[in-house]
Amino acid sequence: AFGMQNDVTPIVLLSLISIPGMLLMWTNIPKHHEHHAAKDERNSLGQ
């Protein structure tokens, strides 16, 4: 199905497990303005 024997096909299919990690980081890592707001708040607390 991939133009090759089944020797490395499972490794190719395994790449699909990366999708949840990409989505989690995209949705939970702060956006640019959120990151700077949090940074300013930490600085105001004495860091």
ModelCIF file with pLDDT and N, C-alpha, C, O atoms, coordinates in Angstrom:
data_MODEL
#
_entry.id   MODEL 
#
_entity.id                         1 
_entity.type                       polymer 
_entity.pdbx_number_of_molecules   1 
#
_entity_poly.entity_id                      1 
_entity_poly.type                           'polypeptide(L)' 
_entity_poly.nstd_linkage                   no 
_entity_poly.nstd_monomer                   no 
_entity_poly.pdbx_seq_one_letter_code       AFGMQNDVTPIVLLSLISIPGMLLMWTNIPKHHEHHAAKDERNSLGQ 
_entity_poly.pdbx_seq_one_letter_code_can   AFGMQNDVTPIVLLSLISIPGMLLMWTNIPKHHEHHAAKDERNSLGQ 
_entity_poly.pdbx_strand_id                 A 
#
loop_
_entity_poly_seq.entity_id 
_entity_poly_seq.num 
_entity_poly_seq.mon_id 
_entity_poly_seq.hetero 
1 1  ALA n 
1 2  PHE n 
1 3  GLY n 
1 4  MET n 
1 5  GLN n 
1 6  ASN n 
1 7  ASP n 
1 8  VAL n 
1 9  THR n 
1 10 PRO n 
1 11 ILE n 
1 12 VAL n 
1 13 LEU n 
1 14 LEU n 
1 15 SER n 
1 16 LEU n 
1 17 ILE n 
1 18 SER n 
1 19 ILE n 
1 20 PRO n 
1 21 GLY n 
1 22 MET n 
1 23 LEU n 
1 24 LEU n 
1 25 MET n 
1 26 TRP n 
1 27 THR n 
1 28 ASN n 
1 29 ILE n 
1 30 PRO n 
1 31 LYS n 
1 32 HIS n 
1 33 HIS n 
1 34 GLU n 
1 35 HIS n 
1 36 HIS n 
1 37 ALA n 
1 38 ALA n 
1 39 LYS n 
1 40 ASP n 
1 41 GLU n 
1 42 ARG n 
1 43 ASN n 
1 44 SER n 
1 45 LEU n 
1 46 GLY n 
1 47 GLN n 
#
_struct_asym.id          A 
_struct_asym.entity_id   1 
#
loop_
_ma_qa_metric.id 
_ma_qa_metric.mode 
_ma_qa_metric.name 
_ma_qa_metric.software_group_id 
_ma_qa_metric.type 
1 global pLDDT . pLDDT 
2 local  pLDDT . pLDDT 
#
_ma_qa_metric_global.metric_id      1 
_ma_qa_metric_global.metric_value   64.66 
_ma_qa_metric_global.model_id       1 
_ma_qa_metric_global.ordinal_id     1 
#
loop_
_ma_qa_metric_local.label_asym_id 
_ma_qa_metric_local.label_comp_id 
_ma_qa_metric_local.label_seq_id 
_ma_qa_metric_local.metric_id 
_ma_qa_metric_local.metric_value 
_ma_qa_metric_local.model_id 
_ma_qa_metric_local.ordinal_id 
A ALA 1  2 37.00 1 1  
A PHE 2  2 38.00 1 2  
A GLY 3  2 37.00 1 3  
A MET 4  2 39.00 1 4  
A GLN 5  2 42.00 1 5  
A ASN 6  2 39.00 1 6  
A ASP 7  2 64.00 1 7  
A VAL 8  2 68.00 1 8  
A THR 9  2 74.00 1 9  
A PRO 10 2 74.00 1 10 
A ILE 11 2 78.00 1 11 
A VAL 12 2 79.00 1 12 
A LEU 13 2 80.00 1 13 
A LEU 14 2 82.00 1 14 
A SER 15 2 81.00 1 15 
A LEU 16 2 85.00 1 16 
A ILE 17 2 82.00 1 17 
A SER 18 2 82.00 1 18 
A ILE 19 2 87.00 1 19 
A PRO 20 2 87.00 1 20 
A GLY 21 2 82.00 1 21 
A MET 22 2 82.00 1 22 
A LEU 23 2 87.00 1 23 
A LEU 24 2 83.00 1 24 
A MET 25 2 82.00 1 25 
A TRP 26 2 82.00 1 26 
A THR 27 2 85.00 1 27 
A ASN 28 2 81.00 1 28 
A ILE 29 2 77.00 1 29 
A PRO 30 2 72.00 1 30 
A LYS 31 2 68.00 1 31 
A HIS 32 2 57.00 1 32 
A HIS 33 2 52.00 1 33 
A GLU 34 2 56.00 1 34 
A HIS 35 2 53.00 1 35 
A HIS 36 2 51.00 1 36 
A ALA 37 2 54.00 1 37 
A ALA 38 2 53.00 1 38 
A LYS 39 2 55.00 1 39 
A ASP 40 2 50.00 1 40 
A GLU 41 2 50.00 1 41 
A ARG 42 2 50.00 1 42 
A ASN 43 2 51.00 1 43 
A SER 44 2 49.00 1 44 
A LEU 45 2 48.00 1 45 
A GLY 46 2 47.00 1 46 
A GLN 47 2 47.00 1 47 
#
loop_
_atom_site.group_PDB 
_atom_site.id 
_atom_site.type_symbol 
_atom_site.label_atom_id 
_atom_site.label_alt_id 
_atom_site.label_comp_id 
_atom_site.label_asym_id 
_atom_site.label_entity_id 
_atom_site.label_seq_id 
_atom_site.pdbx_PDB_ins_code 
_atom_site.Cartn_x 
_atom_site.Cartn_y 
_atom_site.Cartn_z 
_atom_site.occupancy 
_atom_site.B_iso_or_equiv 
_atom_site.pdbx_formal_charge 
_atom_site.auth_seq_id 
_atom_site.auth_comp_id 
_atom_site.auth_asym_id 
_atom_site.auth_atom_id 
_atom_site.pdbx_PDB_model_num 
ATOM 1   N N  . ALA A 1 1  ? 0.819  -1.213 0.000  1.00 37.00 ? 1  ALA A N  1 
ATOM 2   C CA . ALA A 1 1  ? 0.000  0.000  0.000  1.00 37.00 ? 1  ALA A CA 1 
ATOM 3   C C  . ALA A 1 1  ? 0.852  1.261  0.000  1.00 37.00 ? 1  ALA A C  1 
ATOM 4   O O  . ALA A 1 1  ? 0.407  2.311  -0.464 1.00 37.00 ? 1  ALA A O  1 
ATOM 5   N N  . PHE A 1 2  ? 2.077  1.163  0.519  1.00 38.00 ? 2  PHE A N  1 
ATOM 6   C CA . PHE A 1 2  ? 2.962  2.321  0.545  1.00 38.00 ? 2  PHE A CA 1 
ATOM 7   C C  . PHE A 1 2  ? 4.046  2.211  -0.520 1.00 38.00 ? 2  PHE A C  1 
ATOM 8   O O  . PHE A 1 2  ? 5.010  2.977  -0.505 1.00 38.00 ? 2  PHE A O  1 
ATOM 9   N N  . GLY A 1 3  ? 3.896  1.265  -1.444 1.00 37.00 ? 3  GLY A N  1 
ATOM 10  C CA . GLY A 1 3  ? 4.915  1.075  -2.453 1.00 37.00 ? 3  GLY A CA 1 
ATOM 11  C C  . GLY A 1 3  ? 6.098  0.287  -1.943 1.00 37.00 ? 3  GLY A C  1 
ATOM 12  O O  . GLY A 1 3  ? 7.154  0.271  -2.574 1.00 37.00 ? 3  GLY A O  1 
ATOM 13  N N  . MET A 1 4  ? 5.931  -0.380 -0.788 1.00 39.00 ? 4  MET A N  1 
ATOM 14  C CA . MET A 1 4  ? 7.032  -1.154 -0.247 1.00 39.00 ? 4  MET A CA 1 
ATOM 15  C C  . MET A 1 4  ? 6.477  -2.325 0.546  1.00 39.00 ? 4  MET A C  1 
ATOM 16  O O  . MET A 1 4  ? 5.287  -2.382 0.855  1.00 39.00 ? 4  MET A O  1 
ATOM 17  N N  . GLN A 1 5  ? 7.376  -3.268 0.871  1.00 42.00 ? 5  GLN A N  1 
ATOM 18  C CA . GLN A 1 5  ? 6.996  -4.419 1.667  1.00 42.00 ? 5  GLN A CA 1 
ATOM 19  C C  . GLN A 1 5  ? 6.630  -3.939 3.065  1.00 42.00 ? 5  GLN A C  1 
ATOM 20  O O  . GLN A 1 5  ? 6.818  -2.763 3.375  1.00 42.00 ? 5  GLN A O  1 
ATOM 21  N N  . ASN A 1 6  ? 6.111  -4.825 3.919  1.00 39.00 ? 6  ASN A N  1 
ATOM 22  C CA . ASN A 1 6  ? 5.637  -4.386 5.226  1.00 39.00 ? 6  ASN A CA 1 
ATOM 23  C C  . ASN A 1 6  ? 6.759  -4.202 6.234  1.00 39.00 ? 6  ASN A C  1 
ATOM 24  O O  . ASN A 1 6  ? 6.494  -4.122 7.433  1.00 39.00 ? 6  ASN A O  1 
ATOM 25  N N  . ASP A 1 7  ? 7.995  -4.134 5.783  1.00 64.00 ? 7  ASP A N  1 
ATOM 26  C CA . ASP A 1 7  ? 9.132  -4.035 6.704  1.00 64.00 ? 7  ASP A CA 1 
ATOM 27  C C  . ASP A 1 7  ? 9.127  -2.749 7.522  1.00 64.00 ? 7  ASP A C  1 
ATOM 28  O O  . ASP A 1 7  ? 9.349  -2.805 8.732  1.00 64.00 ? 7  ASP A O  1 
ATOM 29  N N  . VAL A 1 8  ? 8.879  -1.585 6.905  1.00 68.00 ? 8  VAL A N  1 
ATOM 30  C CA . VAL A 1 8  ? 8.888  -0.329 7.646  1.00 68.00 ? 8  VAL A CA 1 
ATOM 31  C C  . VAL A 1 8  ? 7.531  0.372  7.661  1.00 68.00 ? 8  VAL A C  1 
ATOM 32  O O  . VAL A 1 8  ? 7.415  1.475  8.196  1.00 68.00 ? 8  VAL A O  1 
ATOM 33  N N  . THR A 1 9  ? 6.508  -0.251 7.083  1.00 74.00 ? 9  THR A N  1 
ATOM 34  C CA . THR A 1 9  ? 5.171  0.355  7.066  1.00 74.00 ? 9  THR A CA 1 
ATOM 35  C C  . THR A 1 9  ? 4.658  0.691  8.470  1.00 74.00 ? 9  THR A C  1 
ATOM 36  O O  . THR A 1 9  ? 4.074  1.760  8.642  1.00 74.00 ? 9  THR A O  1 
ATOM 37  N N  . PRO A 1 10 ? 4.848  -0.176 9.494  1.00 74.00 ? 10 PRO A N  1 
ATOM 38  C CA . PRO A 1 10 ? 4.373  0.202  10.836 1.00 74.00 ? 10 PRO A CA 1 
ATOM 39  C C  . PRO A 1 10 ? 5.025  1.473  11.371 1.00 74.00 ? 10 PRO A C  1 
ATOM 40  O O  . PRO A 1 10 ? 4.378  2.239  12.086 1.00 74.00 ? 10 PRO A O  1 
ATOM 41  N N  . ILE A 1 11 ? 6.288  1.710  11.039 1.00 78.00 ? 11 ILE A N  1 
ATOM 42  C CA . ILE A 1 11 ? 6.957  2.922  11.481 1.00 78.00 ? 11 ILE A CA 1 
ATOM 43  C C  . ILE A 1 11 ? 6.315  4.142  10.819 1.00 78.00 ? 11 ILE A C  1 
ATOM 44  O O  . ILE A 1 11 ? 6.148  5.184  11.453 1.00 78.00 ? 11 ILE A O  1 
ATOM 45  N N  . VAL A 1 12 ? 5.955  4.004  9.534  1.00 79.00 ? 12 VAL A N  1 
ATOM 46  C CA . VAL A 1 12 ? 5.303  5.101  8.825  1.00 79.00 ? 12 VAL A CA 1 
ATOM 47  C C  . VAL A 1 12 ? 3.942  5.414  9.455  1.00 79.00 ? 12 VAL A C  1 
ATOM 48  O O  . VAL A 1 12 ? 3.612  6.577  9.688  1.00 79.00 ? 12 VAL A O  1 
ATOM 49  N N  . LEU A 1 13 ? 3.159  4.373  9.727  1.00 80.00 ? 13 LEU A N  1 
ATOM 50  C CA . LEU A 1 13 ? 1.840  4.576  10.331 1.00 80.00 ? 13 LEU A CA 1 
ATOM 51  C C  . LEU A 1 13 ? 1.934  5.190  11.724 1.00 80.00 ? 13 LEU A C  1 
ATOM 52  O O  . LEU A 1 13 ? 1.030  5.906  12.155 1.00 80.00 ? 13 LEU A O  1 
ATOM 53  N N  . LEU A 1 14 ? 3.023  4.909  12.422 1.00 82.00 ? 14 LEU A N  1 
ATOM 54  C CA . LEU A 1 14 ? 3.190  5.406  13.785 1.00 82.00 ? 14 LEU A CA 1 
ATOM 55  C C  . LEU A 1 14 ? 3.243  6.934  13.836 1.00 82.00 ? 14 LEU A C  1 
ATOM 56  O O  . LEU A 1 14 ? 2.986  7.525  14.884 1.00 82.00 ? 14 LEU A O  1 
ATOM 57  N N  . SER A 1 15 ? 3.569  7.566  12.729 1.00 81.00 ? 15 SER A N  1 
ATOM 58  C CA . SER A 1 15 ? 3.662  9.031  12.714 1.00 81.00 ? 15 SER A CA 1 
ATOM 59  C C  . SER A 1 15 ? 2.343  9.702  13.095 1.00 81.00 ? 15 SER A C  1 
ATOM 60  O O  . SER A 1 15 ? 2.338  10.863 13.506 1.00 81.00 ? 15 SER A O  1 
ATOM 61  N N  . LEU A 1 16 ? 1.224  8.986  12.962 1.00 85.00 ? 16 LEU A N  1 
ATOM 62  C CA . LEU A 1 16 ? -0.082 9.561  13.297 1.00 85.00 ? 16 LEU A CA 1 
ATOM 63  C C  . LEU A 1 16 ? -0.217 9.888  14.781 1.00 85.00 ? 16 LEU A C  1 
ATOM 64  O O  . LEU A 1 16 ? -1.050 10.711 15.159 1.00 85.00 ? 16 LEU A O  1 
ATOM 65  N N  . ILE A 1 17 ? 0.598  9.248  15.628 1.00 82.00 ? 17 ILE A N  1 
ATOM 66  C CA . ILE A 1 17 ? 0.469  9.509  17.066 1.00 82.00 ? 17 ILE A CA 1 
ATOM 67  C C  . ILE A 1 17 ? 0.956  10.908 17.437 1.00 82.00 ? 17 ILE A C  1 
ATOM 68  O O  . ILE A 1 17 ? 0.755  11.357 18.565 1.00 82.00 ? 17 ILE A O  1 
ATOM 69  N N  . SER A 1 18 ? 1.595  11.596 16.491 1.00 82.00 ? 18 SER A N  1 
ATOM 70  C CA . SER A 1 18 ? 2.082  12.944 16.795 1.00 82.00 ? 18 SER A CA 1 
ATOM 71  C C  . SER A 1 18 ? 0.970  13.994 16.767 1.00 82.00 ? 18 SER A C  1 
ATOM 72  O O  . SER A 1 18 ? 1.166  15.097 17.276 1.00 82.00 ? 18 SER A O  1 
ATOM 73  N N  . ILE A 1 19 ? -0.184 13.680 16.189 1.00 87.00 ? 19 ILE A N  1 
ATOM 74  C CA . ILE A 1 19 ? -1.244 14.678 16.020 1.00 87.00 ? 19 ILE A CA 1 
ATOM 75  C C  . ILE A 1 19 ? -1.763 15.219 17.358 1.00 87.00 ? 19 ILE A C  1 
ATOM 76  O O  . ILE A 1 19 ? -1.903 16.435 17.489 1.00 87.00 ? 19 ILE A O  1 
ATOM 77  N N  . PRO A 1 20 ? -2.058 14.369 18.365 1.00 87.00 ? 20 PRO A N  1 
ATOM 78  C CA . PRO A 1 20 ? -2.548 14.939 19.637 1.00 87.00 ? 20 PRO A CA 1 
ATOM 79  C C  . PRO A 1 20 ? -1.564 15.914 20.276 1.00 87.00 ? 20 PRO A C  1 
ATOM 80  O O  . PRO A 1 20 ? -1.979 16.949 20.797 1.00 87.00 ? 20 PRO A O  1 
ATOM 81  N N  . GLY A 1 21 ? -0.268 15.602 20.247 1.00 82.00 ? 21 GLY A N  1 
ATOM 82  C CA . GLY A 1 21 ? 0.716  16.503 20.835 1.00 82.00 ? 21 GLY A CA 1 
ATOM 83  C C  . GLY A 1 21 ? 0.735  17.855 20.149 1.00 82.00 ? 21 GLY A C  1 
ATOM 84  O O  . GLY A 1 21 ? 0.843  18.884 20.816 1.00 82.00 ? 21 GLY A O  1 
ATOM 85  N N  . MET A 1 22 ? 0.630  17.870 18.822 1.00 82.00 ? 22 MET A N  1 
ATOM 86  C CA . MET A 1 22 ? 0.590  19.138 18.091 1.00 82.00 ? 22 MET A CA 1 
ATOM 87  C C  . MET A 1 22 ? -0.624 19.966 18.509 1.00 82.00 ? 22 MET A C  1 
ATOM 88  O O  . MET A 1 22 ? -0.510 21.166 18.761 1.00 82.00 ? 22 MET A O  1 
ATOM 89  N N  . LEU A 1 23 ? -1.777 19.320 18.579 1.00 87.00 ? 23 LEU A N  1 
ATOM 90  C CA . LEU A 1 23 ? -3.004 20.033 18.927 1.00 87.00 ? 23 LEU A CA 1 
ATOM 91  C C  . LEU A 1 23 ? -2.970 20.572 20.352 1.00 87.00 ? 23 LEU A C  1 
ATOM 92  O O  . LEU A 1 23 ? -3.411 21.693 20.605 1.00 87.00 ? 23 LEU A O  1 
ATOM 93  N N  . LEU A 1 24 ? -2.446 19.777 21.285 1.00 83.00 ? 24 LEU A N  1 
ATOM 94  C CA . LEU A 1 24 ? -2.378 20.224 22.673 1.00 83.00 ? 24 LEU A CA 1 
ATOM 95  C C  . LEU A 1 24 ? -1.493 21.458 22.820 1.00 83.00 ? 24 LEU A C  1 
ATOM 96  O O  . LEU A 1 24 ? -1.857 22.399 23.524 1.00 83.00 ? 24 LEU A O  1 
ATOM 97  N N  . MET A 1 25 ? -0.343 21.461 22.167 1.00 82.00 ? 25 MET A N  1 
ATOM 98  C CA . MET A 1 25 ? 0.539  22.620 22.271 1.00 82.00 ? 25 MET A CA 1 
ATOM 99  C C  . MET A 1 25 ? -0.078 23.840 21.583 1.00 82.00 ? 25 MET A C  1 
ATOM 100 O O  . MET A 1 25 ? 0.039  24.960 22.078 1.00 82.00 ? 25 MET A O  1 
ATOM 101 N N  . TRP A 1 26 ? -0.721 23.624 20.464 1.00 82.00 ? 26 TRP A N  1 
ATOM 102 C CA . TRP A 1 26 ? -1.332 24.750 19.748 1.00 82.00 ? 26 TRP A CA 1 
ATOM 103 C C  . TRP A 1 26 ? -2.446 25.408 20.561 1.00 82.00 ? 26 TRP A C  1 
ATOM 104 O O  . TRP A 1 26 ? -2.629 26.624 20.504 1.00 82.00 ? 26 TRP A O  1 
ATOM 105 N N  . THR A 1 27 ? -3.180 24.607 21.309 1.00 85.00 ? 27 THR A N  1 
ATOM 106 C CA . THR A 1 27 ? -4.330 25.153 22.048 1.00 85.00 ? 27 THR A CA 1 
ATOM 107 C C  . THR A 1 27 ? -3.975 25.645 23.448 1.00 85.00 ? 27 THR A C  1 
ATOM 108 O O  . THR A 1 27 ? -4.717 26.452 24.008 1.00 85.00 ? 27 THR A O  1 
ATOM 109 N N  . ASN A 1 28 ? -2.858 25.183 24.036 1.00 81.00 ? 28 ASN A N  1 
ATOM 110 C CA . ASN A 1 28 ? -2.563 25.526 25.431 1.00 81.00 ? 28 ASN A CA 1 
ATOM 111 C C  . ASN A 1 28 ? -1.360 26.431 25.639 1.00 81.00 ? 28 ASN A C  1 
ATOM 112 O O  . ASN A 1 28 ? -1.292 27.118 26.658 1.00 81.00 ? 28 ASN A O  1 
ATOM 113 N N  . ILE A 1 29 ? -0.409 26.458 24.715 1.00 77.00 ? 29 ILE A N  1 
ATOM 114 C CA . ILE A 1 29 ? 0.703  27.403 24.853 1.00 77.00 ? 29 ILE A CA 1 
ATOM 115 C C  . ILE A 1 29 ? 0.156  28.811 24.638 1.00 77.00 ? 29 ILE A C  1 
ATOM 116 O O  . ILE A 1 29 ? -0.584 29.035 23.680 1.00 77.00 ? 29 ILE A O  1 
ATOM 117 N N  . PRO A 1 30 ? 0.499  29.764 25.501 1.00 72.00 ? 30 PRO A N  1 
ATOM 118 C CA . PRO A 1 30 ? -0.081 31.113 25.393 1.00 72.00 ? 30 PRO A CA 1 
ATOM 119 C C  . PRO A 1 30 ? 0.222  31.776 24.049 1.00 72.00 ? 30 PRO A C  1 
ATOM 120 O O  . PRO A 1 30 ? 1.276  31.564 23.450 1.00 72.00 ? 30 PRO A O  1 
ATOM 121 N N  . LYS A 1 31 ? -0.728 32.577 23.602 1.00 68.00 ? 31 LYS A N  1 
ATOM 122 C CA . LYS A 1 31 ? -0.480 33.413 22.436 1.00 68.00 ? 31 LYS A CA 1 
ATOM 123 C C  . LYS A 1 31 ? 0.501  34.526 22.809 1.00 68.00 ? 31 LYS A C  1 
ATOM 124 O O  . LYS A 1 31 ? 0.850  34.706 23.975 1.00 68.00 ? 31 LYS A O  1 
ATOM 125 N N  . HIS A 1 32 ? 0.933  35.263 21.790 1.00 57.00 ? 32 HIS A N  1 
ATOM 126 C CA . HIS A 1 32 ? 1.966  36.284 21.987 1.00 57.00 ? 32 HIS A CA 1 
ATOM 127 C C  . HIS A 1 32 ? 1.579  37.270 23.085 1.00 57.00 ? 32 HIS A C  1 
ATOM 128 O O  . HIS A 1 32 ? 2.363  37.501 24.006 1.00 57.00 ? 32 HIS A O  1 
ATOM 129 N N  . HIS A 1 33 ? 0.385  37.854 23.005 1.00 52.00 ? 33 HIS A N  1 
ATOM 130 C CA . HIS A 1 33 ? -0.005 38.870 23.984 1.00 52.00 ? 33 HIS A CA 1 
ATOM 131 C C  . HIS A 1 33 ? -0.227 38.265 25.364 1.00 52.00 ? 33 HIS A C  1 
ATOM 132 O O  . HIS A 1 33 ? 0.038  38.920 26.372 1.00 52.00 ? 33 HIS A O  1 
ATOM 133 N N  . GLU A 1 34 ? -0.713 37.014 25.426 1.00 56.00 ? 34 GLU A N  1 
ATOM 134 C CA . GLU A 1 34 ? -0.908 36.354 26.717 1.00 56.00 ? 34 GLU A CA 1 
ATOM 135 C C  . GLU A 1 34 ? 0.433  36.078 27.393 1.00 56.00 ? 34 GLU A C  1 
ATOM 136 O O  . GLU A 1 34 ? 0.578  36.233 28.605 1.00 56.00 ? 34 GLU A O  1 
ATOM 137 N N  . HIS A 1 35 ? 1.405  35.667 26.587 1.00 53.00 ? 35 HIS A N  1 
ATOM 138 C CA . HIS A 1 35 ? 2.741  35.387 27.121 1.00 53.00 ? 35 HIS A CA 1 
ATOM 139 C C  . HIS A 1 35 ? 3.349  36.644 27.731 1.00 53.00 ? 35 HIS A C  1 
ATOM 140 O O  . HIS A 1 35 ? 3.921  36.587 28.820 1.00 53.00 ? 35 HIS A O  1 
ATOM 141 N N  . HIS A 1 36 ? 3.231  37.785 27.039 1.00 51.00 ? 36 HIS A N  1 
ATOM 142 C CA . HIS A 1 36 ? 3.821  39.014 27.545 1.00 51.00 ? 36 HIS A CA 1 
ATOM 143 C C  . HIS A 1 36 ? 3.065  39.550 28.755 1.00 51.00 ? 36 HIS A C  1 
ATOM 144 O O  . HIS A 1 36 ? 3.663  40.152 29.647 1.00 51.00 ? 36 HIS A O  1 
ATOM 145 N N  . ALA A 1 37 ? 1.772  39.338 28.788 1.00 54.00 ? 37 ALA A N  1 
ATOM 146 C CA . ALA A 1 37 ? 1.009  39.765 29.964 1.00 54.00 ? 37 ALA A CA 1 
ATOM 147 C C  . ALA A 1 37 ? 1.442  38.981 31.203 1.00 54.00 ? 37 ALA A C  1 
ATOM 148 O O  . ALA A 1 37 ? 1.616  39.555 32.278 1.00 54.00 ? 37 ALA A O  1 
ATOM 149 N N  . ALA A 1 38 ? 1.615  37.657 31.045 1.00 53.00 ? 38 ALA A N  1 
ATOM 150 C CA . ALA A 1 38 ? 2.063  36.832 32.170 1.00 53.00 ? 38 ALA A CA 1 
ATOM 151 C C  . ALA A 1 38 ? 3.479  37.198 32.591 1.00 53.00 ? 38 ALA A C  1 
ATOM 152 O O  . ALA A 1 38 ? 3.803  37.188 33.779 1.00 53.00 ? 38 ALA A O  1 
ATOM 153 N N  . LYS A 1 39 ? 4.317  37.521 31.619 1.00 55.00 ? 39 LYS A N  1 
ATOM 154 C CA . LYS A 1 39 ? 5.700  37.901 31.915 1.00 55.00 ? 39 LYS A CA 1 
ATOM 155 C C  . LYS A 1 39 ? 5.737  39.214 32.697 1.00 55.00 ? 39 LYS A C  1 
ATOM 156 O O  . LYS A 1 39 ? 6.498  39.344 33.656 1.00 55.00 ? 39 LYS A O  1 
ATOM 157 N N  . ASP A 1 40 ? 4.925  40.177 32.292 1.00 50.00 ? 40 ASP A N  1 
ATOM 158 C CA . ASP A 1 40 ? 4.863  41.452 33.004 1.00 50.00 ? 40 ASP A CA 1 
ATOM 159 C C  . ASP A 1 40 ? 4.366  41.261 34.430 1.00 50.00 ? 40 ASP A C  1 
ATOM 160 O O  . ASP A 1 40 ? 4.829  41.930 35.353 1.00 50.00 ? 40 ASP A O  1 
ATOM 161 N N  . GLU A 1 41 ? 3.412  40.335 34.603 1.00 50.00 ? 41 GLU A N  1 
ATOM 162 C CA . GLU A 1 41 ? 2.885  40.081 35.945 1.00 50.00 ? 41 GLU A CA 1 
ATOM 163 C C  . GLU A 1 41 ? 3.955  39.479 36.846 1.00 50.00 ? 41 GLU A C  1 
ATOM 164 O O  . GLU A 1 41 ? 4.070  39.860 38.011 1.00 50.00 ? 41 GLU A O  1 
ATOM 165 N N  . ARG A 1 42 ? 4.746  38.533 36.313 1.00 50.00 ? 42 ARG A N  1 
ATOM 166 C CA . ARG A 1 42 ? 5.823  37.946 37.109 1.00 50.00 ? 42 ARG A CA 1 
ATOM 167 C C  . ARG A 1 42 ? 6.862  39.007 37.474 1.00 50.00 ? 42 ARG A C  1 
ATOM 168 O O  . ARG A 1 42 ? 7.357  39.031 38.601 1.00 50.00 ? 42 ARG A O  1 
ATOM 169 N N  . ASN A 1 43 ? 7.192  39.885 36.523 1.00 51.00 ? 43 ASN A N  1 
ATOM 170 C CA . ASN A 1 43 ? 8.173  40.928 36.796 1.00 51.00 ? 43 ASN A CA 1 
ATOM 171 C C  . ASN A 1 43 ? 7.678  41.884 37.883 1.00 51.00 ? 43 ASN A C  1 
ATOM 172 O O  . ASN A 1 43 ? 8.460  42.353 38.710 1.00 51.00 ? 43 ASN A O  1 
ATOM 173 N N  . SER A 1 44 ? 6.369  42.166 37.874 1.00 49.00 ? 44 SER A N  1 
ATOM 174 C CA . SER A 1 44 ? 5.805  43.074 38.872 1.00 49.00 ? 44 SER A CA 1 
ATOM 175 C C  . SER A 1 44 ? 5.822  42.466 40.268 1.00 49.00 ? 44 SER A C  1 
ATOM 176 O O  . SER A 1 44 ? 5.756  43.182 41.267 1.00 49.00 ? 44 SER A O  1 
ATOM 177 N N  . LEU A 1 45 ? 5.912  41.119 40.329 1.00 48.00 ? 45 LEU A N  1 
ATOM 178 C CA . LEU A 1 45 ? 5.948  40.442 41.627 1.00 48.00 ? 45 LEU A CA 1 
ATOM 179 C C  . LEU A 1 45 ? 7.364  40.283 42.159 1.00 48.00 ? 45 LEU A C  1 
ATOM 180 O O  . LEU A 1 45 ? 7.578  39.693 43.218 1.00 48.00 ? 45 LEU A O  1 
ATOM 181 N N  . GLY A 1 46 ? 8.339  40.819 41.407 1.00 47.00 ? 46 GLY A N  1 
ATOM 182 C CA . GLY A 1 46 ? 9.684  40.863 41.984 1.00 47.00 ? 46 GLY A CA 1 
ATOM 183 C C  . GLY A 1 46 ? 10.697 39.978 41.338 1.00 47.00 ? 46 GLY A C  1 
ATOM 184 O O  . GLY A 1 46 ? 11.823 39.907 41.832 1.00 47.00 ? 46 GLY A O  1 
ATOM 185 N N  . GLN A 1 47 ? 10.373 39.275 40.234 1.00 47.00 ? 47 GLN A N  1 
ATOM 186 C CA . GLN A 1 47 ? 11.356 38.396 39.633 1.00 47.00 ? 47 GLN A CA 1 
ATOM 187 C C  . GLN A 1 47 ? 12.499 39.174 38.978 1.00 47.00 ? 47 GLN A C  1 
ATOM 188 O O  . GLN A 1 47 ? 13.417 38.572 38.422 1.00 47.00 ? 47 GLN A O  1 
#
